[in-house]
Amino acid sequence: MNISIDQFNEMTPYELSLFAEVFVEKLLMEKEEKVTLTWLGEYYHRLKKLPRLKDEIKMLRSDNATNAMSDDEMFKIAQKLNSQFGGKVKDRGEGNGTT
């Protein structure tokens, strides 16, 4: 776990368990990265014409960008989820009448 004896001796059991969880999570992320790189290598290998690197990077960055929803959009999604899970709308006599 890349921890020295001195660090180990100074940790509480809770801190040690947190350190171990982070270590395992880091290992899993490294494995995911290796698999992703292998997959991308195979994907690019099969293309007839390799796309420009700048275009690919731009596409990756745009996929990770989050678009903020308006209050109306969030409310519609909340209503949809509420109905999917069998929720009921209660009238409290204030605002728009729904909760």
PDB file of N, CA and C in Angstrom:
ATOM      1  N   MET A   1       0.817  -1.206   0.000  1.00  0.00           N
ATOM      2  CA  MET A   1       0.000   0.000   0.000  1.00  0.00           C
ATOM      3  C   MET A   1       0.854   1.260   0.000  1.00  0.00           C
ATOM      4  N   ASN A   2       2.140   1.116  -0.135  1.00  0.00           N
ATOM      5  CA  ASN A   2       3.044   2.270  -0.159  1.00  0.00           C
ATOM      6  C   ASN A   2       2.916   3.116   1.095  1.00  0.00           C
ATOM      7  N   ILE A   3       2.973   2.465   2.227  1.00  0.00           N
ATOM      8  CA  ILE A   3       2.872   3.169   3.499  1.00  0.00           C
ATOM      9  C   ILE A   3       4.084   2.772   4.353  1.00  0.00           C
ATOM     10  N   SER A   4       4.693   3.765   4.978  1.00  0.00           N
ATOM     11  CA  SER A   4       5.862   3.475   5.814  1.00  0.00           C
ATOM     12  C   SER A   4       5.416   2.972   7.184  1.00  0.00           C
ATOM     13  N   ILE A   5       6.330   2.356   7.887  1.00  0.00           N
ATOM     14  CA  ILE A   5       6.038   1.851   9.231  1.00  0.00           C
ATOM     15  C   ILE A   5       5.669   3.002  10.158  1.00  0.00           C
ATOM     16  N   ASP A   6       6.362   4.134  10.021  1.00  0.00           N
ATOM     17  CA  ASP A   6       6.058   5.300  10.863  1.00  0.00           C
ATOM     18  C   ASP A   6       4.649   5.807  10.614  1.00  0.00           C
ATOM     19  N   GLN A   7       4.265   5.890   9.332  1.00  0.00           N
ATOM     20  CA  GLN A   7       2.907   6.327   9.014  1.00  0.00           C
ATOM     21  C   GLN A   7       1.884   5.341   9.572  1.00  0.00           C
ATOM     22  N   PHE A   8       2.175   4.055   9.422  1.00  0.00           N
ATOM     23  CA  PHE A   8       1.271   3.018   9.915  1.00  0.00           C
ATOM     24  C   PHE A   8       1.083   3.135  11.427  1.00  0.00           C
ATOM     25  N   ASN A   9       2.172   3.352  12.145  1.00  0.00           N
ATOM     26  CA  ASN A   9       2.108   3.434  13.609  1.00  0.00           C
ATOM     27  C   ASN A   9       1.334   4.658  14.088  1.00  0.00           C
ATOM     28  N   GLU A  10       1.297   5.714  13.283  1.00  0.00           N
ATOM     29  CA  GLU A  10       0.606   6.941  13.683  1.00  0.00           C
ATOM     30  C   GLU A  10      -0.881   6.944  13.311  1.00  0.00           C
ATOM     31  N   MET A  11      -1.325   5.975  12.502  1.00  0.00           N
ATOM     32  CA  MET A  11      -2.710   5.959  12.021  1.00  0.00           C
ATOM     33  C   MET A  11      -3.632   5.239  12.989  1.00  0.00           C
ATOM     34  N   THR A  12      -4.858   5.737  13.027  1.00  0.00           N
ATOM     35  CA  THR A  12      -5.906   5.017  13.741  1.00  0.00           C
ATOM     36  C   THR A  12      -6.436   3.933  12.801  1.00  0.00           C
ATOM     37  N   PRO A  13      -7.161   2.955  13.322  1.00  0.00           N
ATOM     38  CA  PRO A  13      -7.733   1.933  12.440  1.00  0.00           C
ATOM     39  C   PRO A  13      -8.647   2.530  11.369  1.00  0.00           C
ATOM     40  N   TYR A  14      -9.379   3.566  11.718  1.00  0.00           N
ATOM     41  CA  TYR A  14     -10.269   4.220  10.742  1.00  0.00           C
ATOM     42  C   TYR A  14      -9.452   4.860   9.616  1.00  0.00           C
ATOM     43  N   GLU A  15      -8.390   5.567   9.980  1.00  0.00           N
ATOM     44  CA  GLU A  15      -7.539   6.198   8.970  1.00  0.00           C
ATOM     45  C   GLU A  15      -6.892   5.150   8.068  1.00  0.00           C
ATOM     46  N   LEU A  16      -6.484   4.029   8.668  1.00  0.00           N
ATOM     47  CA  LEU A  16      -5.887   2.959   7.883  1.00  0.00           C
ATOM     48  C   LEU A  16      -6.893   2.373   6.900  1.00  0.00           C
ATOM     49  N   SER A  17      -8.137   2.195   7.340  1.00  0.00           N
ATOM     50  CA  SER A  17      -9.158   1.656   6.433  1.00  0.00           C
ATOM     51  C   SER A  17      -9.447   2.635   5.300  1.00  0.00           C
ATOM     52  N   LEU A  18      -9.466   3.932   5.591  1.00  0.00           N
ATOM     53  CA  LEU A  18      -9.653   4.932   4.531  1.00  0.00           C
ATOM     54  C   LEU A  18      -8.496   4.893   3.542  1.00  0.00           C
ATOM     55  N   PHE A  19      -7.286   4.780   4.053  1.00  0.00           N
ATOM     56  CA  PHE A  19      -6.104   4.709   3.209  1.00  0.00           C
ATOM     57  C   PHE A  19      -6.184   3.482   2.300  1.00  0.00           C
ATOM     58  N   ALA A  20      -6.627   2.352   2.859  1.00  0.00           N
ATOM     59  CA  ALA A  20      -6.742   1.118   2.079  1.00  0.00           C
ATOM     60  C   ALA A  20      -7.813   1.260   0.997  1.00  0.00           C
ATOM     61  N   GLU A  21      -8.946   1.885   1.329  1.00  0.00           N
ATOM     62  CA  GLU A  21     -10.009   2.097   0.344  1.00  0.00           C
ATOM     63  C   GLU A  21      -9.526   2.963  -0.824  1.00  0.00           C
ATOM     64  N   VAL A  22      -8.817   4.021  -0.502  1.00  0.00           N
ATOM     65  CA  VAL A  22      -8.298   4.911  -1.539  1.00  0.00           C
ATOM     66  C   VAL A  22      -7.280   4.165  -2.403  1.00  0.00           C
ATOM     67  N   PHE A  23      -6.462   3.346  -1.778  1.00  0.00           N
ATOM     68  CA  PHE A  23      -5.453   2.575  -2.514  1.00  0.00           C
ATOM     69  C   PHE A  23      -6.124   1.619  -3.498  1.00  0.00           C
ATOM     70  N   VAL A  24      -7.156   0.907  -3.054  1.00  0.00           N
ATOM     71  CA  VAL A  24      -7.869  -0.025  -3.926  1.00  0.00           C
ATOM     72  C   VAL A  24      -8.563   0.725  -5.054  1.00  0.00           C
ATOM     73  N   GLU A  25      -9.176   1.854  -4.728  1.00  0.00           N
ATOM     74  CA  GLU A  25      -9.847   2.659  -5.754  1.00  0.00           C
ATOM     75  C   GLU A  25      -8.846   3.147  -6.802  1.00  0.00           C
ATOM     76  N   LYS A  26      -7.673   3.550  -6.362  1.00  0.00           N
ATOM     77  CA  LYS A  26      -6.639   4.000  -7.284  1.00  0.00           C
ATOM     78  C   LYS A  26      -6.199   2.870  -8.210  1.00  0.00           C
ATOM     79  N   LEU A  27      -6.051   1.659  -7.658  1.00  0.00           N
ATOM     80  CA  LEU A  27      -5.687   0.509  -8.486  1.00  0.00           C
ATOM     81  C   LEU A  27      -6.748   0.229  -9.551  1.00  0.00           C
ATOM     82  N   LEU A  28      -8.016   0.300  -9.153  1.00  0.00           N
ATOM     83  CA  LEU A  28      -9.101   0.071 -10.103  1.00  0.00           C
ATOM     84  C   LEU A  28      -9.109   1.124 -11.208  1.00  0.00           C
ATOM     85  N   MET A  29      -8.871   2.381 -10.839  1.00  0.00           N
ATOM     86  CA  MET A  29      -8.829   3.447 -11.840  1.00  0.00           C
ATOM     87  C   MET A  29      -7.664   3.241 -12.813  1.00  0.00           C
ATOM     88  N   GLU A  30      -6.524   2.782 -12.304  1.00  0.00           N
ATOM     89  CA  GLU A  30      -5.383   2.519 -13.176  1.00  0.00           C
ATOM     90  C   GLU A  30      -5.691   1.382 -14.147  1.00  0.00           C
ATOM     91  N   LYS A  31      -6.380   0.336 -13.667  1.00  0.00           N
ATOM     92  CA  LYS A  31      -6.769  -0.769 -14.543  1.00  0.00           C
ATOM     93  C   LYS A  31      -7.744  -0.293 -15.616  1.00  0.00           C
ATOM     94  N   GLU A  32      -8.723   0.525 -15.209  1.00  0.00           N
ATOM     95  CA  GLU A  32      -9.675   1.075 -16.179  1.00  0.00           C
ATOM     96  C   GLU A  32      -8.955   1.896 -17.243  1.00  0.00           C
ATOM     97  N   GLU A  33      -7.981   2.676 -16.809  1.00  0.00           N
ATOM     98  CA  GLU A  33      -7.232   3.494 -17.758  1.00  0.00           C
ATOM     99  C   GLU A  33      -6.470   2.627 -18.757  1.00  0.00           C
ATOM    100  N   LYS A  34      -5.861   1.548 -18.278  1.00  0.00           N
ATOM    101  CA  LYS A  34      -5.122   0.659 -19.169  1.00  0.00           C
ATOM    102  C   LYS A  34      -6.050  -0.008 -20.182  1.00  0.00           C
ATOM    103  N   VAL A  35      -7.209  -0.461 -19.711  1.00  0.00           N
ATOM    104  CA  VAL A  35      -8.171  -1.086 -20.619  1.00  0.00           C
ATOM    105  C   VAL A  35      -8.677  -0.069 -21.630  1.00  0.00           C
ATOM    106  N   THR A  36      -8.942   1.142 -21.185  1.00  0.00           N
ATOM    107  CA  THR A  36      -9.413   2.194 -22.087  1.00  0.00           C
ATOM    108  C   THR A  36      -8.368   2.511 -23.148  1.00  0.00           C
ATOM    109  N   LEU A  37      -7.119   2.623 -22.741  1.00  0.00           N
ATOM    110  CA  LEU A  37      -6.047   2.910 -23.700  1.00  0.00           C
ATOM    111  C   LEU A  37      -5.892   1.777 -24.710  1.00  0.00           C
ATOM    112  N   THR A  38      -6.007   0.540 -24.243  1.00  0.00           N
ATOM    113  CA  THR A  38      -5.927  -0.598 -25.152  1.00  0.00           C
ATOM    114  C   THR A  38      -7.076  -0.575 -26.141  1.00  0.00           C
ATOM    115  N   TRP A  39      -8.275  -0.309 -25.616  1.00  0.00           N
ATOM    116  CA  TRP A  39      -9.459  -0.264 -26.478  1.00  0.00           C
ATOM    117  C   TRP A  39      -9.325   0.847 -27.516  1.00  0.00           C
ATOM    118  N   LEU A  40      -8.889   2.025 -27.079  1.00  0.00           N
ATOM    119  CA  LEU A  40      -8.717   3.141 -28.015  1.00  0.00           C
ATOM    120  C   LEU A  40      -7.662   2.826 -29.060  1.00  0.00           C
ATOM    121  N   GLY A  41      -6.581   2.140 -28.656  1.00  0.00           N
ATOM    122  CA  GLY A  41      -5.554   1.747 -29.611  1.00  0.00           C
ATOM    123  C   GLY A  41      -6.111   0.841 -30.693  1.00  0.00           C
ATOM    124  N   GLU A  42      -6.939  -0.115 -30.292  1.00  0.00           N
ATOM    125  CA  GLU A  42      -7.573  -1.004 -31.269  1.00  0.00           C
ATOM    126  C   GLU A  42      -8.559  -0.248 -32.152  1.00  0.00           C
ATOM    127  N   TYR A  43      -9.300   0.673 -31.543  1.00  0.00           N
ATOM    128  CA  TYR A  43     -10.273   1.465 -32.306  1.00  0.00           C
ATOM    129  C   TYR A  43      -9.560   2.276 -33.386  1.00  0.00           C
ATOM    130  N   TYR A  44      -8.523   2.981 -33.012  1.00  0.00           N
ATOM    131  CA  TYR A  44      -7.798   3.809 -33.975  1.00  0.00           C
ATOM    132  C   TYR A  44      -7.065   2.949 -35.008  1.00  0.00           C
ATOM    133  N   HIS A  45      -6.634   1.771 -34.600  1.00  0.00           N
ATOM    134  CA  HIS A  45      -5.943   0.872 -35.525  1.00  0.00           C
ATOM    135  C   HIS A  45      -6.878   0.426 -36.657  1.00  0.00           C
ATOM    136  N   ARG A  46      -8.170   0.298 -36.362  1.00  0.00           N
ATOM    137  CA  ARG A  46      -9.123  -0.201 -37.352  1.00  0.00           C
ATOM    138  C   ARG A  46      -9.656   0.892 -38.275  1.00  0.00           C
ATOM    139  N   LEU A  47      -9.423   2.149 -37.930  1.00  0.00           N
ATOM    140  CA  LEU A  47      -9.906   3.229 -38.789  1.00  0.00           C
ATOM    141  C   LEU A  47      -9.072   3.317 -40.060  1.00  0.00           C
ATOM    142  N   LYS A  48      -9.750   3.637 -41.159  1.00  0.00           N
ATOM    143  CA  LYS A  48      -9.017   3.784 -42.420  1.00  0.00           C
ATOM    144  C   LYS A  48      -8.207   5.071 -42.429  1.00  0.00           C
ATOM    145  N   LYS A  49      -8.783   6.132 -41.856  1.00  0.00           N
ATOM    146  CA  LYS A  49      -8.072   7.404 -41.795  1.00  0.00           C
ATOM    147  C   LYS A  49      -8.098   7.898 -40.348  1.00  0.00           C
ATOM    148  N   LEU A  50      -6.936   8.119 -39.790  1.00  0.00           N
ATOM    149  CA  LEU A  50      -6.822   8.554 -38.405  1.00  0.00           C
ATOM    150  C   LEU A  50      -7.260  10.009 -38.282  1.00  0.00           C
ATOM    151  N   PRO A  51      -8.183  10.308 -37.348  1.00  0.00           N
ATOM    152  CA  PRO A  51      -8.599  11.700 -37.168  1.00  0.00           C
ATOM    153  C   PRO A  51      -7.476  12.538 -36.560  1.00  0.00           C
ATOM    154  N   ARG A  52      -7.602  13.849 -36.717  1.00  0.00           N
ATOM    155  CA  ARG A  52      -6.601  14.755 -36.141  1.00  0.00           C
ATOM    156  C   ARG A  52      -6.671  14.691 -34.618  1.00  0.00           C
ATOM    157  N   LEU A  53      -5.519  14.722 -33.993  1.00  0.00           N
ATOM    158  CA  LEU A  53      -5.446  14.632 -32.541  1.00  0.00           C
ATOM    159  C   LEU A  53      -6.195  15.784 -31.874  1.00  0.00           C
ATOM    160  N   LYS A  54      -6.056  16.996 -32.409  1.00  0.00           N
ATOM    161  CA  LYS A  54      -6.735  18.162 -31.824  1.00  0.00           C
ATOM    162  C   LYS A  54      -8.243  17.974 -31.839  1.00  0.00           C
ATOM    163  N   ASP A  55      -8.774  17.405 -32.930  1.00  0.00           N
ATOM    164  CA  ASP A  55     -10.219  17.169 -33.018  1.00  0.00           C
ATOM    165  C   ASP A  55     -10.683  16.136 -31.995  1.00  0.00           C
ATOM    166  N   GLU A  56      -9.899  15.088 -31.822  1.00  0.00           N
ATOM    167  CA  GLU A  56     -10.250  14.048 -30.847  1.00  0.00           C
ATOM    168  C   GLU A  56     -10.226  14.595 -29.421  1.00  0.00           C
ATOM    169  N   ILE A  57      -9.226  15.391 -29.110  1.00  0.00           N
ATOM    170  CA  ILE A  57      -9.131  15.971 -27.771  1.00  0.00           C
ATOM    171  C   ILE A  57     -10.285  16.933 -27.528  1.00  0.00           C
ATOM    172  N   LYS A  58     -10.624  17.724 -28.541  1.00  0.00           N
ATOM    173  CA  LYS A  58     -11.750  18.648 -28.409  1.00  0.00           C
ATOM    174  C   LYS A  58     -13.040  17.875 -28.147  1.00  0.00           C
ATOM    175  N   MET A  59     -13.220  16.752 -28.849  1.00  0.00           N
ATOM    176  CA  MET A  59     -14.415  15.941 -28.669  1.00  0.00           C
ATOM    177  C   MET A  59     -14.469  15.358 -27.257  1.00  0.00           C
ATOM    178  N   LEU A  60     -13.333  14.876 -26.744  1.00  0.00           N
ATOM    179  CA  LEU A  60     -13.296  14.332 -25.391  1.00  0.00           C
ATOM    180  C   LEU A  60     -13.628  15.390 -24.348  1.00  0.00           C
ATOM    181  N   ARG A  61     -13.102  16.581 -24.544  1.00  0.00           N
ATOM    182  CA  ARG A  61     -13.380  17.656 -23.587  1.00  0.00           C
ATOM    183  C   ARG A  61     -14.837  18.088 -23.630  1.00  0.00           C
ATOM    184  N   SER A  62     -15.429  18.118 -24.801  1.00  0.00           N
ATOM    185  CA  SER A  62     -16.823  18.541 -24.897  1.00  0.00           C
ATOM    186  C   SER A  62     -17.753  17.501 -24.297  1.00  0.00           C
ATOM    187  N   ASP A  63     -17.374  16.214 -24.344  1.00  0.00           N
ATOM    188  CA  ASP A  63     -18.199  15.171 -23.733  1.00  0.00           C
ATOM    189  C   ASP A  63     -18.216  15.283 -22.221  1.00  0.00           C
ATOM    190  N   ASN A  64     -17.124  15.758 -21.636  1.00  0.00           N
ATOM    191  CA  ASN A  64     -17.037  15.860 -20.184  1.00  0.00           C
ATOM    192  C   ASN A  64     -17.675  17.133 -19.640  1.00  0.00           C
ATOM    193  N   ALA A  65     -17.964  18.082 -20.512  1.00  0.00           N
ATOM    194  CA  ALA A  65     -18.570  19.330 -20.054  1.00  0.00           C
ATOM    195  C   ALA A  65     -20.025  19.072 -19.668  1.00  0.00           C
ATOM    196  N   THR A  66     -20.419  19.649 -18.563  1.00  0.00           N
ATOM    197  CA  THR A  66     -21.798  19.464 -18.120  1.00  0.00           C
ATOM    198  C   THR A  66     -22.608  20.694 -18.487  1.00  0.00           C
ATOM    199  N   ASN A  67     -23.781  20.453 -18.990  1.00  0.00           N
ATOM    200  CA  ASN A  67     -24.683  21.543 -19.336  1.00  0.00           C
ATOM    201  C   ASN A  67     -25.664  21.730 -18.188  1.00  0.00           C
ATOM    202  N   ALA A  68     -25.753  22.944 -17.692  1.00  0.00           N
ATOM    203  CA  ALA A  68     -26.653  23.229 -16.586  1.00  0.00           C
ATOM    204  C   ALA A  68     -28.095  23.184 -17.084  1.00  0.00           C
ATOM    205  N   MET A  69     -28.952  22.564 -16.284  1.00  0.00           N
ATOM    206  CA  MET A  69     -30.372  22.488 -16.624  1.00  0.00           C
ATOM    207  C   MET A  69     -31.095  23.691 -16.024  1.00  0.00           C
ATOM    208  N   SER A  70     -32.144  24.070 -16.698  1.00  0.00           N
ATOM    209  CA  SER A  70     -32.976  25.134 -16.145  1.00  0.00           C
ATOM    210  C   SER A  70     -33.843  24.550 -15.030  1.00  0.00           C
ATOM    211  N   ASP A  71     -34.441  25.421 -14.236  1.00  0.00           N
ATOM    212  CA  ASP A  71     -35.320  24.968 -13.163  1.00  0.00           C
ATOM    213  C   ASP A  71     -36.484  24.162 -13.726  1.00  0.00           C
ATOM    214  N   ASP A  72     -37.010  24.601 -14.864  1.00  0.00           N
ATOM    215  CA  ASP A  72     -38.120  23.906 -15.512  1.00  0.00           C
ATOM    216  C   ASP A  72     -37.732  22.483 -15.921  1.00  0.00           C
ATOM    217  N   GLU A  73     -36.540  22.331 -16.515  1.00  0.00           N
ATOM    218  CA  GLU A  73     -36.070  21.011 -16.943  1.00  0.00           C
ATOM    219  C   GLU A  73     -35.892  20.082 -15.746  1.00  0.00           C
ATOM    220  N   MET A  74     -35.323  20.617 -14.658  1.00  0.00           N
ATOM    221  CA  MET A  74     -35.137  19.804 -13.460  1.00  0.00           C
ATOM    222  C   MET A  74     -36.476  19.392 -12.870  1.00  0.00           C
ATOM    223  N   PHE A  75     -37.436  20.313 -12.872  1.00  0.00           N
ATOM    224  CA  PHE A  75     -38.751  20.010 -12.322  1.00  0.00           C
ATOM    225  C   PHE A  75     -39.439  18.911 -13.132  1.00  0.00           C
ATOM    226  N   LYS A  76     -39.322  18.966 -14.468  1.00  0.00           N
ATOM    227  CA  LYS A  76     -39.935  17.941 -15.318  1.00  0.00           C
ATOM    228  C   LYS A  76     -39.303  16.577 -15.068  1.00  0.00           C
ATOM    229  N   ILE A  77     -37.982  16.549 -14.895  1.00  0.00           N
ATOM    230  CA  ILE A  77     -37.307  15.277 -14.608  1.00  0.00           C
ATOM    231  C   ILE A  77     -37.735  14.745 -13.247  1.00  0.00           C
ATOM    232  N   ALA A  78     -37.856  15.630 -12.260  1.00  0.00           N
ATOM    233  CA  ALA A  78     -38.294  15.212 -10.929  1.00  0.00           C
ATOM    234  C   ALA A  78     -39.715  14.647 -10.984  1.00  0.00           C
ATOM    235  N   GLN A  79     -40.593  15.280 -11.767  1.00  0.00           N
ATOM    236  CA  GLN A  79     -41.959  14.773 -11.914  1.00  0.00           C
ATOM    237  C   GLN A  79     -41.961  13.397 -12.563  1.00  0.00           C
ATOM    238  N   LYS A  80     -41.130  13.225 -13.587  1.00  0.00           N
ATOM    239  CA  LYS A  80     -41.064  11.948 -14.295  1.00  0.00           C
ATOM    240  C   LYS A  80     -40.572  10.843 -13.358  1.00  0.00           C
ATOM    241  N   LEU A  81     -39.506  11.132 -12.596  1.00  0.00           N
ATOM    242  CA  LEU A  81     -38.991  10.146 -11.653  1.00  0.00           C
ATOM    243  C   LEU A  81     -40.007   9.837 -10.563  1.00  0.00           C
ATOM    244  N   ASN A  82     -40.697  10.859 -10.107  1.00  0.00           N
ATOM    245  CA  ASN A  82     -41.716  10.677  -9.080  1.00  0.00           C
ATOM    246  C   ASN A  82     -42.797   9.717  -9.560  1.00  0.00           C
ATOM    247  N   SER A  83     -43.258   9.902 -10.791  1.00  0.00           N
ATOM    248  CA  SER A  83     -44.302   9.026 -11.310  1.00  0.00           C
ATOM    249  C   SER A  83     -43.768   7.620 -11.579  1.00  0.00           C
ATOM    250  N   GLN A  84     -42.516   7.504 -12.013  1.00  0.00           N
ATOM    251  CA  GLN A  84     -41.930   6.185 -12.271  1.00  0.00           C
ATOM    252  C   GLN A  84     -41.812   5.364 -10.992  1.00  0.00           C
ATOM    253  N   PHE A  85     -41.532   6.023  -9.885  1.00  0.00           N
ATOM    254  CA  PHE A  85     -41.364   5.306  -8.623  1.00  0.00           C
ATOM    255  C   PHE A  85     -42.649   5.261  -7.797  1.00  0.00           C
ATOM    256  N   GLY A  86     -43.759   5.637  -8.397  1.00  0.00           N
ATOM    257  CA  GLY A  86     -45.051   5.525  -7.724  1.00  0.00           C
ATOM    258  C   GLY A  86     -45.324   6.618  -6.727  1.00  0.00           C
ATOM    259  N   GLY A  87     -44.653   7.751  -6.847  1.00  0.00           N
ATOM    260  CA  GLY A  87     -44.889   8.863  -5.939  1.00  0.00           C
ATOM    261  C   GLY A  87     -46.207   9.556  -6.228  1.00  0.00           C
ATOM    262  N   LYS A  88     -46.683  10.282  -5.248  1.00  0.00           N
ATOM    263  CA  LYS A  88     -47.946  11.008  -5.401  1.00  0.00           C
ATOM    264  C   LYS A  88     -47.692  12.500  -5.236  1.00  0.00           C
ATOM    265  N   VAL A  89     -48.492  13.311  -5.914  1.00  0.00           N
ATOM    266  CA  VAL A  89     -48.388  14.762  -5.817  1.00  0.00           C
ATOM    267  C   VAL A  89     -49.367  15.226  -4.762  1.00  0.00           C
ATOM    268  N   LYS A  90     -48.871  15.982  -3.786  1.00  0.00           N
ATOM    269  CA  LYS A  90     -49.717  16.501  -2.709  1.00  0.00           C
ATOM    270  C   LYS A  90     -49.920  17.991  -2.916  1.00  0.00           C
ATOM    271  N   ASP A  91     -51.114  18.459  -2.651  1.00  0.00           N
ATOM    272  CA  ASP A  91     -51.432  19.871  -2.762  1.00  0.00           C
ATOM    273  C   ASP A  91     -51.291  20.496  -1.380  1.00  0.00           C
ATOM    274  N   ARG A  92     -50.352  21.431  -1.260  1.00  0.00           N
ATOM    275  CA  ARG A  92     -50.153  22.107   0.032  1.00  0.00           C
ATOM    276  C   ARG A  92     -50.733  23.507   0.033  1.00  0.00           C
ATOM    277  N   GLY A  93     -51.256  23.934  -1.078  1.00  0.00           N
ATOM    278  CA  GLY A  93     -51.868  25.252  -1.154  1.00  0.00           C
ATOM    279  C   GLY A  93     -50.882  26.401  -1.261  1.00  0.00           C
ATOM    280  N   GLU A  94     -49.637  26.093  -1.607  1.00  0.00           N
ATOM    281  CA  GLU A  94     -48.633  27.149  -1.743  1.00  0.00           C
ATOM    282  C   GLU A  94     -47.825  26.901  -3.013  1.00  0.00           C
ATOM    283  N   GLY A  95     -47.259  27.935  -3.564  1.00  0.00           N
ATOM    284  CA  GLY A  95     -46.430  27.801  -4.760  1.00  0.00           C
ATOM    285  C   GLY A  95     -47.245  27.307  -5.938  1.00  0.00           C
ATOM    286  N   ASN A  96     -46.710  26.287  -6.624  1.00  0.00           N
ATOM    287  CA  ASN A  96     -47.422  25.750  -7.769  1.00  0.00           C
ATOM    288  C   ASN A  96     -48.313  24.566  -7.394  1.00  0.00           C
ATOM    289  N   GLY A  97     -48.373  24.233  -6.102  1.00  0.00           N
ATOM    290  CA  GLY A  97     -49.297  23.192  -5.659  1.00  0.00           C
ATOM    291  C   GLY A  97     -48.756  21.793  -5.756  1.00  0.00           C
ATOM    292  N   THR A  98     -47.488  21.609  -6.098  1.00  0.00           N
ATOM    293  CA  THR A  98     -46.947  20.260  -6.186  1.00  0.00           C
ATOM    294  C   THR A  98     -45.725  20.138  -5.310  1.00  0.00           C
ATOM    295  N   THR A  99     -45.477  18.910  -4.837  1.00  0.00           N
ATOM    296  CA  THR A  99     -44.257  18.627  -4.075  1.00  0.00           C
ATOM    297  C   THR A  99     -43.676  17.332  -4.534  1.00  0.00           C
TER     298      THR A  99
END
